[in-house]
Structure formats: C-alpha cells, structure tokens
Amino acid sequence: MGGASQEDAYQSASNAWVTLMAGFTTVQSPGAANDIPLRDAIAKGKLAGPKILTAVEPAVRARRKTGTPDEIRAFVRKQKQAGADVIKIFASESIRKAEG
C-alpha cells in the first residue's frame, strides 16, 4: 500500500490474512518502508499473516554510475539500520516507469 491511512492499514492487515490463508507462510517485499509496521505486528503476534521480509528501499541504477563500493556499503548499512531483512538491487528501472 502506498499510504498510511487507517483504510490502508486495514487493507494491509486484510491482505496479510488472505495471503496466509492462501498458504503462503513467508513473502518478500522488494522495498516499501510502510511494510515495517505490518511485518513487526505479524512477528509480535498482533496480526495474523505471513512472515514478511522487506528490503525497505530498493537500490536502483538510474541512468548513472551505480556507486563506488563504499557508497554501496553505506547504502546497505542504511537499509539495515532502517530495518531491512534483505537488500533488493534492480539492475535497471522498472518497465512500468515512464521514460522522462
């Protein structure tokens, strides 16, 4: 979900329940900071849902040099500190993103 309204929270909790009931015990998000509260609520047993592994924010190569090894390490450390379980790296931009 893109927002943080009550409706978004209810929809996220509902989606987590439906996903669990469909038989998925673990899911991975390629990166959305708003996955963290849902992940934590499920892990604490406050909501029913699958275990969520999130990248918080994906690393995207955006028509420029990706970064030095030190810059990449700093990005990974920043994501880990933000609560990332995994690091997602996109080699190119999504085909869904319009060229601009």
Protein backbone atom coordinates (compact mmCIF):
# COMPACT_ATOMS: atom_id res chain seq x y z
CA MET A 1 0.00 0.00 0.00
CA GLY A 2 1.22 3.48 -0.79
CA GLY A 3 -0.24 5.42 2.11
CA ALA A 4 -0.56 5.29 5.86
CA SER A 5 -4.24 6.00 6.43
CA GLN A 6 -6.45 3.81 8.59
CA GLU A 7 -8.02 2.38 5.45
CA ASP A 8 -4.55 1.48 4.13
CA ALA A 9 -3.72 -0.22 7.43
CA TYR A 10 -6.96 -2.24 7.37
CA GLN A 11 -6.33 -3.24 3.76
CA SER A 12 -2.75 -4.31 4.56
CA ALA A 13 -3.93 -6.41 7.52
CA SER A 14 -6.64 -7.96 5.35
CA ASN A 15 -4.15 -8.72 2.57
CA ALA A 16 -1.81 -10.34 5.10
CA TRP A 17 -4.62 -12.59 6.38
CA VAL A 18 -5.73 -13.58 2.86
CA THR A 19 -2.13 -14.30 1.87
CA LEU A 20 -1.64 -16.52 4.92
CA MET A 21 -4.92 -18.35 4.28
CA ALA A 22 -3.79 -18.95 0.68
CA GLY A 23 -0.91 -20.98 2.13
CA PHE A 24 1.95 -18.50 1.94
CA THR A 25 3.95 -18.54 5.18
CA THR A 26 6.67 -16.13 4.05
CA VAL A 27 6.61 -13.29 1.50
CA GLN A 28 9.23 -10.83 0.31
CA SER A 29 8.69 -7.16 -0.47
CA PRO A 30 11.18 -5.58 -2.87
CA GLY A 31 11.06 -2.39 -0.86
CA ALA A 32 8.47 -0.31 0.90
CA ALA A 33 9.14 1.39 4.22
CA ASN A 34 5.47 1.06 5.18
CA ASP A 35 5.90 -2.74 5.26
CA ILE A 36 7.87 -2.46 8.51
CA PRO A 37 4.96 -1.83 10.93
CA LEU A 38 2.95 -4.67 9.34
CA ARG A 39 5.96 -7.01 9.46
CA ASP A 40 6.56 -6.16 13.11
CA ALA A 41 2.89 -6.57 14.11
CA ILE A 42 2.80 -10.02 12.49
CA ALA A 43 6.09 -11.02 14.12
CA LYS A 44 4.76 -9.97 17.56
CA GLY A 45 1.55 -11.96 17.03
CA LYS A 46 -0.68 -8.86 16.96
CA LEU A 47 -1.92 -9.68 13.45
CA ALA A 48 -2.20 -12.92 11.52
CA GLY A 49 -0.14 -13.00 8.35
CA PRO A 50 2.89 -14.50 6.68
CA LYS A 51 6.42 -13.64 7.74
CA ILE A 52 7.41 -10.55 5.76
CA LEU A 53 10.96 -9.98 4.52
CA THR A 54 11.34 -6.41 3.30
CA ALA A 55 14.08 -4.50 1.54
CA VAL A 56 12.71 -1.16 2.89
CA GLU A 57 14.06 0.69 -0.19
CA PRO A 58 15.46 -0.97 -3.31
CA ALA A 59 18.76 0.01 -4.90
CA VAL A 60 18.04 1.19 -8.43
CA ARG A 61 20.53 2.04 -11.14
CA ALA A 62 19.07 5.24 -12.54
CA ARG A 63 20.92 6.13 -15.75
CA ARG A 64 24.11 6.89 -13.86
CA LYS A 65 27.04 5.20 -12.28
CA THR A 66 25.68 2.84 -9.62
CA GLY A 67 28.17 3.88 -6.96
CA THR A 68 31.54 3.14 -5.54
CA PRO A 69 31.97 0.11 -3.30
CA ASP A 70 31.98 2.44 -0.28
CA GLU A 71 28.73 4.12 -1.43
CA ILE A 72 27.08 0.73 -1.93
CA ARG A 73 28.22 -0.44 1.51
CA ALA A 74 26.84 2.79 3.02
CA PHE A 75 23.51 2.19 1.28
CA VAL A 76 23.34 -1.38 2.62
CA ARG A 77 24.17 -0.22 6.14
CA LYS A 78 21.49 2.50 5.92
CA GLN A 79 18.89 -0.07 4.84
CA LYS A 80 19.87 -2.48 7.61
CA GLN A 81 19.58 0.32 10.18
CA ALA A 82 16.12 1.16 8.76
CA GLY A 83 15.04 -2.44 9.41
CA ALA A 84 15.69 -4.21 6.11
CA ASP A 85 15.73 -8.01 6.15
CA VAL A 86 17.09 -8.27 2.60
CA ILE A 87 18.69 -5.96 0.03
CA LYS A 88 16.95 -5.69 -3.33
CA ILE A 89 19.00 -4.48 -6.28
CA PHE A 90 17.33 -3.57 -9.57
CA ALA A 91 19.81 -3.62 -12.46
CA SER A 92 17.57 -1.26 -14.43
CA GLU A 93 14.44 0.79 -13.89
CA SER A 94 11.06 -0.89 -13.97
CA ILE A 95 9.37 -1.22 -17.36
CA ARG A 96 6.31 0.20 -15.60
CA LYS A 97 8.08 3.53 -15.03
CA ALA A 98 7.56 6.01 -17.84
CA GLU A 99 10.62 7.42 -19.53
CA GLY A 100 11.09 11.06 -18.75
